[in-house]
Amino acid sequence: MFAGFSWAIWTTRNKMAIEKKIPKAPSDVIYCAISLMQKWSLLLKEEDRETFDWAKDAIMKWMKSFQPNTIAVSDIVEI
């Protein structure tokens, strides 16, 4: 799971830096990670796949109840 999230963050960062494509919401990165992990889960052992499915379902349940912050937060300041 760590590898899936790391890869999703890395590819999103590259798209932002190189292609200037900024995700519309942070949840887009999470959905990308879940998609990657679902593809890779076919290579897991059966017991590991069950653990993965449990974790994926927990993440999806959390994402469905997620309420994003409506206030734009930035660390960029004009001087």
PDB file of N, CA and C in Angstrom:
ATOM      1  N   MET A   1       0.824  -1.183   0.000  1.00  0.00           N
ATOM      2  CA  MET A   1       0.000   0.000   0.000  1.00  0.00           C
ATOM      3  C   MET A   1       0.872   1.252   0.000  1.00  0.00           C
ATOM      4  N   PHE A   2       1.954   1.192   0.744  1.00  0.00           N
ATOM      5  CA  PHE A   2       2.856   2.336   0.776  1.00  0.00           C
ATOM      6  C   PHE A   2       3.382   2.640  -0.625  1.00  0.00           C
ATOM      7  N   ALA A   3       3.731   1.591  -1.350  1.00  0.00           N
ATOM      8  CA  ALA A   3       4.263   1.776  -2.710  1.00  0.00           C
ATOM      9  C   ALA A   3       3.210   2.408  -3.620  1.00  0.00           C
ATOM     10  N   GLY A   4       1.962   1.997  -3.495  1.00  0.00           N
ATOM     11  CA  GLY A   4       0.901   2.559  -4.328  1.00  0.00           C
ATOM     12  C   GLY A   4       0.692   4.039  -4.073  1.00  0.00           C
ATOM     13  N   PHE A   5       0.653   4.418  -2.812  1.00  0.00           N
ATOM     14  CA  PHE A   5       0.487   5.837  -2.484  1.00  0.00           C
ATOM     15  C   PHE A   5       1.725   6.645  -2.877  1.00  0.00           C
ATOM     16  N   SER A   6       2.899   6.057  -2.658  1.00  0.00           N
ATOM     17  CA  SER A   6       4.129   6.759  -3.039  1.00  0.00           C
ATOM     18  C   SER A   6       4.177   6.995  -4.542  1.00  0.00           C
ATOM     19  N   TRP A   7       3.813   5.988  -5.312  1.00  0.00           N
ATOM     20  CA  TRP A   7       3.837   6.122  -6.767  1.00  0.00           C
ATOM     21  C   TRP A   7       2.811   7.158  -7.231  1.00  0.00           C
ATOM     22  N   ALA A   8       1.630   7.153  -6.639  1.00  0.00           N
ATOM     23  CA  ALA A   8       0.598   8.127  -7.016  1.00  0.00           C
ATOM     24  C   ALA A   8       1.053   9.554  -6.701  1.00  0.00           C
ATOM     25  N   ILE A   9       1.672   9.743  -5.553  1.00  0.00           N
ATOM     26  CA  ILE A   9       2.170  11.073  -5.185  1.00  0.00           C
ATOM     27  C   ILE A   9       3.297  11.490  -6.128  1.00  0.00           C
ATOM     28  N   TRP A  10       4.200  10.557  -6.431  1.00  0.00           N
ATOM     29  CA  TRP A  10       5.325  10.863  -7.316  1.00  0.00           C
ATOM     30  C   TRP A  10       4.846  11.242  -8.716  1.00  0.00           C
ATOM     31  N   THR A  11       3.928  10.470  -9.282  1.00  0.00           N
ATOM     32  CA  THR A  11       3.464  10.770 -10.638  1.00  0.00           C
ATOM     33  C   THR A  11       2.655  12.067 -10.667  1.00  0.00           C
ATOM     34  N   THR A  12       1.894  12.335  -9.616  1.00  0.00           N
ATOM     35  CA  THR A  12       1.155  13.589  -9.548  1.00  0.00           C
ATOM     36  C   THR A  12       2.118  14.767  -9.446  1.00  0.00           C
ATOM     37  N   ARG A  13       3.153  14.615  -8.664  1.00  0.00           N
ATOM     38  CA  ARG A  13       4.166  15.664  -8.533  1.00  0.00           C
ATOM     39  C   ARG A  13       4.837  15.923  -9.870  1.00  0.00           C
ATOM     40  N   ASN A  14       5.164  14.866 -10.598  1.00  0.00           N
ATOM     41  CA  ASN A  14       5.800  15.031 -11.910  1.00  0.00           C
ATOM     42  C   ASN A  14       4.866  15.730 -12.890  1.00  0.00           C
ATOM     43  N   LYS A  15       3.595  15.371 -12.889  1.00  0.00           N
ATOM     44  CA  LYS A  15       2.636  16.028 -13.776  1.00  0.00           C
ATOM     45  C   LYS A  15       2.516  17.510 -13.435  1.00  0.00           C
ATOM     46  N   MET A  16       2.569  17.832 -12.151  1.00  0.00           N
ATOM     47  CA  MET A  16       2.483  19.235 -11.744  1.00  0.00           C
ATOM     48  C   MET A  16       3.735  19.996 -12.180  1.00  0.00           C
ATOM     49  N   ALA A  17       4.906  19.383 -12.017  1.00  0.00           N
ATOM     50  CA  ALA A  17       6.161  20.070 -12.313  1.00  0.00           C
ATOM     51  C   ALA A  17       6.435  20.149 -13.812  1.00  0.00           C
ATOM     52  N   ILE A  18       6.153  19.082 -14.529  1.00  0.00           N
ATOM     53  CA  ILE A  18       6.537  19.027 -15.940  1.00  0.00           C
ATOM     54  C   ILE A  18       5.403  19.468 -16.857  1.00  0.00           C
ATOM     55  N   GLU A  19       4.206  18.910 -16.636  1.00  0.00           N
ATOM     56  CA  GLU A  19       3.089  19.187 -17.538  1.00  0.00           C
ATOM     57  C   GLU A  19       2.184  20.315 -17.051  1.00  0.00           C
ATOM     58  N   LYS A  20       2.452  20.825 -15.861  1.00  0.00           N
ATOM     59  CA  LYS A  20       1.646  21.888 -15.243  1.00  0.00           C
ATOM     60  C   LYS A  20       0.184  21.472 -15.069  1.00  0.00           C
ATOM     61  N   LYS A  21      -0.043  20.171 -14.821  1.00  0.00           N
ATOM     62  CA  LYS A  21      -1.383  19.654 -14.553  1.00  0.00           C
ATOM     63  C   LYS A  21      -1.549  19.523 -13.043  1.00  0.00           C
ATOM     64  N   ILE A  22      -2.424  20.333 -12.482  1.00  0.00           N
ATOM     65  CA  ILE A  22      -2.658  20.324 -11.045  1.00  0.00           C
ATOM     66  C   ILE A  22      -3.959  19.572 -10.776  1.00  0.00           C
ATOM     67  N   PRO A  23      -3.943  18.609  -9.850  1.00  0.00           N
ATOM     68  CA  PRO A  23      -5.180  17.876  -9.563  1.00  0.00           C
ATOM     69  C   PRO A  23      -6.250  18.814  -9.011  1.00  0.00           C
ATOM     70  N   LYS A  24      -7.495  18.512  -9.334  1.00  0.00           N
ATOM     71  CA  LYS A  24      -8.610  19.350  -8.883  1.00  0.00           C
ATOM     72  C   LYS A  24      -8.837  19.233  -7.385  1.00  0.00           C
ATOM     73  N   ALA A  25      -8.517  18.070  -6.831  1.00  0.00           N
ATOM     74  CA  ALA A  25      -8.708  17.848  -5.397  1.00  0.00           C
ATOM     75  C   ALA A  25      -7.691  16.816  -4.914  1.00  0.00           C
ATOM     76  N   PRO A  26      -7.318  16.858  -3.638  1.00  0.00           N
ATOM     77  CA  PRO A  26      -6.407  15.842  -3.097  1.00  0.00           C
ATOM     78  C   PRO A  26      -6.967  14.426  -3.219  1.00  0.00           C
ATOM     79  N   SER A  27      -8.282  14.325  -3.223  1.00  0.00           N
ATOM     80  CA  SER A  27      -8.887  12.997  -3.341  1.00  0.00           C
ATOM     81  C   SER A  27      -8.554  12.345  -4.676  1.00  0.00           C
ATOM     82  N   ASP A  28      -8.240  13.132  -5.698  1.00  0.00           N
ATOM     83  CA  ASP A  28      -7.840  12.571  -6.991  1.00  0.00           C
ATOM     84  C   ASP A  28      -6.581  11.717  -6.854  1.00  0.00           C
ATOM     85  N   VAL A  29      -5.656  12.158  -6.019  1.00  0.00           N
ATOM     86  CA  VAL A  29      -4.418  11.410  -5.792  1.00  0.00           C
ATOM     87  C   VAL A  29      -4.726  10.104  -5.069  1.00  0.00           C
ATOM     88  N   ILE A  30      -5.638  10.143  -4.116  1.00  0.00           N
ATOM     89  CA  ILE A  30      -6.001   8.932  -3.372  1.00  0.00           C
ATOM     90  C   ILE A  30      -6.681   7.928  -4.294  1.00  0.00           C
ATOM     91  N   TYR A  31      -7.588   8.394  -5.142  1.00  0.00           N
ATOM     92  CA  TYR A  31      -8.239   7.493  -6.086  1.00  0.00           C
ATOM     93  C   TYR A  31      -7.236   6.904  -7.075  1.00  0.00           C
ATOM     94  N   CYS A  32      -6.257   7.683  -7.486  1.00  0.00           N
ATOM     95  CA  CYS A  32      -5.197   7.186  -8.363  1.00  0.00           C
ATOM     96  C   CYS A  32      -4.408   6.081  -7.661  1.00  0.00           C
ATOM     97  N   ALA A  33      -4.080   6.296  -6.403  1.00  0.00           N
ATOM     98  CA  ALA A  33      -3.340   5.295  -5.631  1.00  0.00           C
ATOM     99  C   ALA A  33      -4.141   4.008  -5.493  1.00  0.00           C
ATOM    100  N   ILE A  34      -5.417   4.125  -5.205  1.00  0.00           N
ATOM    101  CA  ILE A  34      -6.258   2.939  -5.064  1.00  0.00           C
ATOM    102  C   ILE A  34      -6.339   2.187  -6.387  1.00  0.00           C
ATOM    103  N   SER A  35      -6.448   2.920  -7.471  1.00  0.00           N
ATOM    104  CA  SER A  35      -6.493   2.292  -8.790  1.00  0.00           C
ATOM    105  C   SER A  35      -5.204   1.506  -9.071  1.00  0.00           C
ATOM    106  N   LEU A  36      -4.068   2.107  -8.778  1.00  0.00           N
ATOM    107  CA  LEU A  36      -2.791   1.420  -8.967  1.00  0.00           C
ATOM    108  C   LEU A  36      -2.702   0.171  -8.096  1.00  0.00           C
ATOM    109  N   MET A  37      -3.127   0.305  -6.848  1.00  0.00           N
ATOM    110  CA  MET A  37      -3.046  -0.832  -5.931  1.00  0.00           C
ATOM    111  C   MET A  37      -3.983  -1.959  -6.353  1.00  0.00           C
ATOM    112  N   GLN A  38      -5.132  -1.629  -6.911  1.00  0.00           N
ATOM    113  CA  GLN A  38      -6.037  -2.680  -7.389  1.00  0.00           C
ATOM    114  C   GLN A  38      -5.398  -3.460  -8.530  1.00  0.00           C
ATOM    115  N   LYS A  39      -4.692  -2.777  -9.400  1.00  0.00           N
ATOM    116  CA  LYS A  39      -4.000  -3.464 -10.499  1.00  0.00           C
ATOM    117  C   LYS A  39      -2.908  -4.379  -9.961  1.00  0.00           C
ATOM    118  N   TRP A  40      -2.159  -3.905  -8.966  1.00  0.00           N
ATOM    119  CA  TRP A  40      -1.065  -4.685  -8.408  1.00  0.00           C
ATOM    120  C   TRP A  40      -1.564  -5.814  -7.513  1.00  0.00           C
ATOM    121  N   SER A  41      -2.772  -5.704  -6.969  1.00  0.00           N
ATOM    122  CA  SER A  41      -3.269  -6.705  -6.021  1.00  0.00           C
ATOM    123  C   SER A  41      -3.408  -8.080  -6.655  1.00  0.00           C
ATOM    124  N   LEU A  42      -3.505  -8.140  -7.966  1.00  0.00           N
ATOM    125  CA  LEU A  42      -3.603  -9.440  -8.639  1.00  0.00           C
ATOM    126  C   LEU A  42      -2.345 -10.278  -8.437  1.00  0.00           C
ATOM    127  N   LEU A  43      -1.226  -9.626  -8.142  1.00  0.00           N
ATOM    128  CA  LEU A  43       0.038 -10.327  -7.953  1.00  0.00           C
ATOM    129  C   LEU A  43       0.259 -10.795  -6.517  1.00  0.00           C
ATOM    130  N   LEU A  44      -0.631 -10.420  -5.606  1.00  0.00           N
ATOM    131  CA  LEU A  44      -0.475 -10.764  -4.194  1.00  0.00           C
ATOM    132  C   LEU A  44      -0.926 -12.189  -3.905  1.00  0.00           C
ATOM    133  N   LYS A  45      -0.415 -12.728  -2.809  1.00  0.00           N
ATOM    134  CA  LYS A  45      -0.911 -14.013  -2.310  1.00  0.00           C
ATOM    135  C   LYS A  45      -2.341 -13.814  -1.833  1.00  0.00           C
ATOM    136  N   GLU A  46      -3.092 -14.885  -1.747  1.00  0.00           N
ATOM    137  CA  GLU A  46      -4.514 -14.804  -1.405  1.00  0.00           C
ATOM    138  C   GLU A  46      -4.741 -14.120  -0.052  1.00  0.00           C
ATOM    139  N   GLU A  47      -3.980 -14.497   0.974  1.00  0.00           N
ATOM    140  CA  GLU A  47      -4.183 -13.887   2.296  1.00  0.00           C
ATOM    141  C   GLU A  47      -3.789 -12.409   2.291  1.00  0.00           C
ATOM    142  N   ASP A  48      -2.759 -12.056   1.525  1.00  0.00           N
ATOM    143  CA  ASP A  48      -2.375 -10.651   1.418  1.00  0.00           C
ATOM    144  C   ASP A  48      -3.417  -9.856   0.635  1.00  0.00           C
ATOM    145  N   ARG A  49      -4.025 -10.486  -0.353  1.00  0.00           N
ATOM    146  CA  ARG A  49      -5.065  -9.826  -1.145  1.00  0.00           C
ATOM    147  C   ARG A  49      -6.296  -9.531  -0.276  1.00  0.00           C
ATOM    148  N   GLU A  50      -6.614 -10.437   0.640  1.00  0.00           N
ATOM    149  CA  GLU A  50      -7.737 -10.198   1.549  1.00  0.00           C
ATOM    150  C   GLU A  50      -7.452  -9.012   2.459  1.00  0.00           C
ATOM    151  N   THR A  51      -6.229  -8.923   2.968  1.00  0.00           N
ATOM    152  CA  THR A  51      -5.840  -7.782   3.802  1.00  0.00           C
ATOM    153  C   THR A  51      -5.899  -6.494   2.992  1.00  0.00           C
ATOM    154  N   PHE A  52      -5.426  -6.555   1.762  1.00  0.00           N
ATOM    155  CA  PHE A  52      -5.477  -5.383   0.895  1.00  0.00           C
ATOM    156  C   PHE A  52      -6.920  -4.962   0.639  1.00  0.00           C
ATOM    157  N   ASP A  53      -7.782  -5.915   0.341  1.00  0.00           N
ATOM    158  CA  ASP A  53      -9.190  -5.585   0.076  1.00  0.00           C
ATOM    159  C   ASP A  53      -9.847  -4.941   1.289  1.00  0.00           C
ATOM    160  N   TRP A  54      -9.503  -5.423   2.485  1.00  0.00           N
ATOM    161  CA  TRP A  54     -10.060  -4.833   3.702  1.00  0.00           C
ATOM    162  C   TRP A  54      -9.605  -3.377   3.838  1.00  0.00           C
ATOM    163  N   ALA A  55      -8.303  -3.134   3.615  1.00  0.00           N
ATOM    164  CA  ALA A  55      -7.767  -1.777   3.732  1.00  0.00           C
ATOM    165  C   ALA A  55      -8.350  -0.869   2.649  1.00  0.00           C
ATOM    166  N   LYS A  56      -8.467  -1.376   1.436  1.00  0.00           N
ATOM    167  CA  LYS A  56      -9.032  -0.587   0.335  1.00  0.00           C
ATOM    168  C   LYS A  56     -10.475  -0.204   0.635  1.00  0.00           C
ATOM    169  N   ASP A  57     -11.246  -1.154   1.168  1.00  0.00           N
ATOM    170  CA  ASP A  57     -12.637  -0.852   1.518  1.00  0.00           C
ATOM    171  C   ASP A  57     -12.716   0.199   2.621  1.00  0.00           C
ATOM    172  N   ALA A  58     -11.797   0.143   3.589  1.00  0.00           N
ATOM    173  CA  ALA A  58     -11.775   1.141   4.662  1.00  0.00           C
ATOM    174  C   ALA A  58     -11.442   2.526   4.103  1.00  0.00           C
ATOM    175  N   ILE A  59     -10.495   2.595   3.180  1.00  0.00           N
ATOM    176  CA  ILE A  59     -10.133   3.878   2.567  1.00  0.00           C
ATOM    177  C   ILE A  59     -11.302   4.420   1.757  1.00  0.00           C
ATOM    178  N   MET A  60     -11.956   3.548   0.982  1.00  0.00           N
ATOM    179  CA  MET A  60     -13.086   3.982   0.158  1.00  0.00           C
ATOM    180  C   MET A  60     -14.245   4.471   1.039  1.00  0.00           C
ATOM    181  N   LYS A  61     -14.481   3.792   2.153  1.00  0.00           N
ATOM    182  CA  LYS A  61     -15.538   4.224   3.078  1.00  0.00           C
ATOM    183  C   LYS A  61     -15.207   5.603   3.637  1.00  0.00           C
ATOM    184  N   TRP A  62     -13.948   5.828   3.991  1.00  0.00           N
ATOM    185  CA  TRP A  62     -13.528   7.126   4.503  1.00  0.00           C
ATOM    186  C   TRP A  62     -13.676   8.196   3.424  1.00  0.00           C
ATOM    187  N   MET A  63     -13.307   7.860   2.181  1.00  0.00           N
ATOM    188  CA  MET A  63     -13.395   8.830   1.085  1.00  0.00           C
ATOM    189  C   MET A  63     -14.846   9.233   0.802  1.00  0.00           C
ATOM    190  N   LYS A  64     -15.764   8.299   0.932  1.00  0.00           N
ATOM    191  CA  LYS A  64     -17.175   8.623   0.680  1.00  0.00           C
ATOM    192  C   LYS A  64     -17.733   9.581   1.729  1.00  0.00           C
ATOM    193  N   SER A  65     -17.196   9.512   2.949  1.00  0.00           N
ATOM    194  CA  SER A  65     -17.674  10.401   4.005  1.00  0.00           C
ATOM    195  C   SER A  65     -16.801  11.648   4.147  1.00  0.00           C
ATOM    196  N   PHE A  66     -15.782  11.784   3.316  1.00  0.00           N
ATOM    197  CA  PHE A  66     -14.845  12.903   3.389  1.00  0.00           C
ATOM    198  C   PHE A  66     -15.530  14.210   3.011  1.00  0.00           C
ATOM    199  N   GLN A  67     -15.349  15.220   3.820  1.00  0.00           N
ATOM    200  CA  GLN A  67     -15.872  16.562   3.563  1.00  0.00           C
ATOM    201  C   GLN A  67     -14.684  17.495   3.398  1.00  0.00           C
ATOM    202  N   PRO A  68     -14.383  17.897   2.159  1.00  0.00           N
ATOM    203  CA  PRO A  68     -13.208  18.757   1.953  1.00  0.00           C
ATOM    204  C   PRO A  68     -13.396  20.134   2.574  1.00  0.00           C
ATOM    205  N   ASN A  69     -12.306  20.756   2.894  1.00  0.00           N
ATOM    206  CA  ASN A  69     -12.297  22.100   3.449  1.00  0.00           C
ATOM    207  C   ASN A  69     -12.639  23.080   2.324  1.00  0.00           C
ATOM    208  N   THR A  70     -13.594  23.934   2.548  1.00  0.00           N
ATOM    209  CA  THR A  70     -14.016  24.881   1.510  1.00  0.00           C
ATOM    210  C   THR A  70     -13.144  26.131   1.473  1.00  0.00           C
ATOM    211  N   ILE A  71     -12.282  26.305   2.466  1.00  0.00           N
ATOM    212  CA  ILE A  71     -11.393  27.464   2.528  1.00  0.00           C
ATOM    213  C   ILE A  71     -10.079  27.089   1.857  1.00  0.00           C
ATOM    214  N   ALA A  72      -9.657  27.858   0.881  1.00  0.00           N
ATOM    215  CA  ALA A  72      -8.392  27.599   0.201  1.00  0.00           C
ATOM    216  C   ALA A  72      -7.240  27.934   1.146  1.00  0.00           C
ATOM    217  N   VAL A  73      -6.352  26.967   1.329  1.00  0.00           N
ATOM    218  CA  VAL A  73      -5.204  27.146   2.204  1.00  0.00           C
ATOM    219  C   VAL A  73      -3.949  27.076   1.350  1.00  0.00           C
ATOM    220  N   SER A  74      -3.058  28.029   1.558  1.00  0.00           N
ATOM    221  CA  SER A  74      -1.832  28.061   0.790  1.00  0.00           C
ATOM    222  C   SER A  74      -0.680  28.484   1.679  1.00  0.00           C
ATOM    223  N   ASP A  75       0.508  28.015   1.346  1.00  0.00           N
ATOM    224  CA  ASP A  75       1.689  28.440   2.080  1.00  0.00           C
ATOM    225  C   ASP A  75       2.452  29.518   1.313  1.00  0.00           C
ATOM    226  N   ILE A  76       1.859  30.012   0.233  1.00  0.00           N
ATOM    227  CA  ILE A  76       2.462  31.064  -0.571  1.00  0.00           C
ATOM    228  C   ILE A  76       1.993  32.421  -0.062  1.00  0.00           C
ATOM    229  N   VAL A  77       2.942  33.311   0.208  1.00  0.00           N
ATOM    230  CA  VAL A  77       2.623  34.628   0.766  1.00  0.00           C
ATOM    231  C   VAL A  77       3.303  35.691  -0.071  1.00  0.00           C
ATOM    232  N   GLU A  78       2.588  36.771  -0.325  1.00  0.00           N
ATOM    233  CA  GLU A  78       3.188  37.897  -1.037  1.00  0.00           C
ATOM    234  C   GLU A  78       3.862  38.816  -0.021  1.00  0.00           C
ATOM    235  N   ILE A  79       5.014  39.310  -0.398  1.00  0.00           N
ATOM    236  CA  ILE A  79       5.751  40.226   0.485  1.00  0.00           C
ATOM    237  C   ILE A  79       5.752  41.602  -0.140  1.00  0.00           C
TER     238      ILE A  79
END
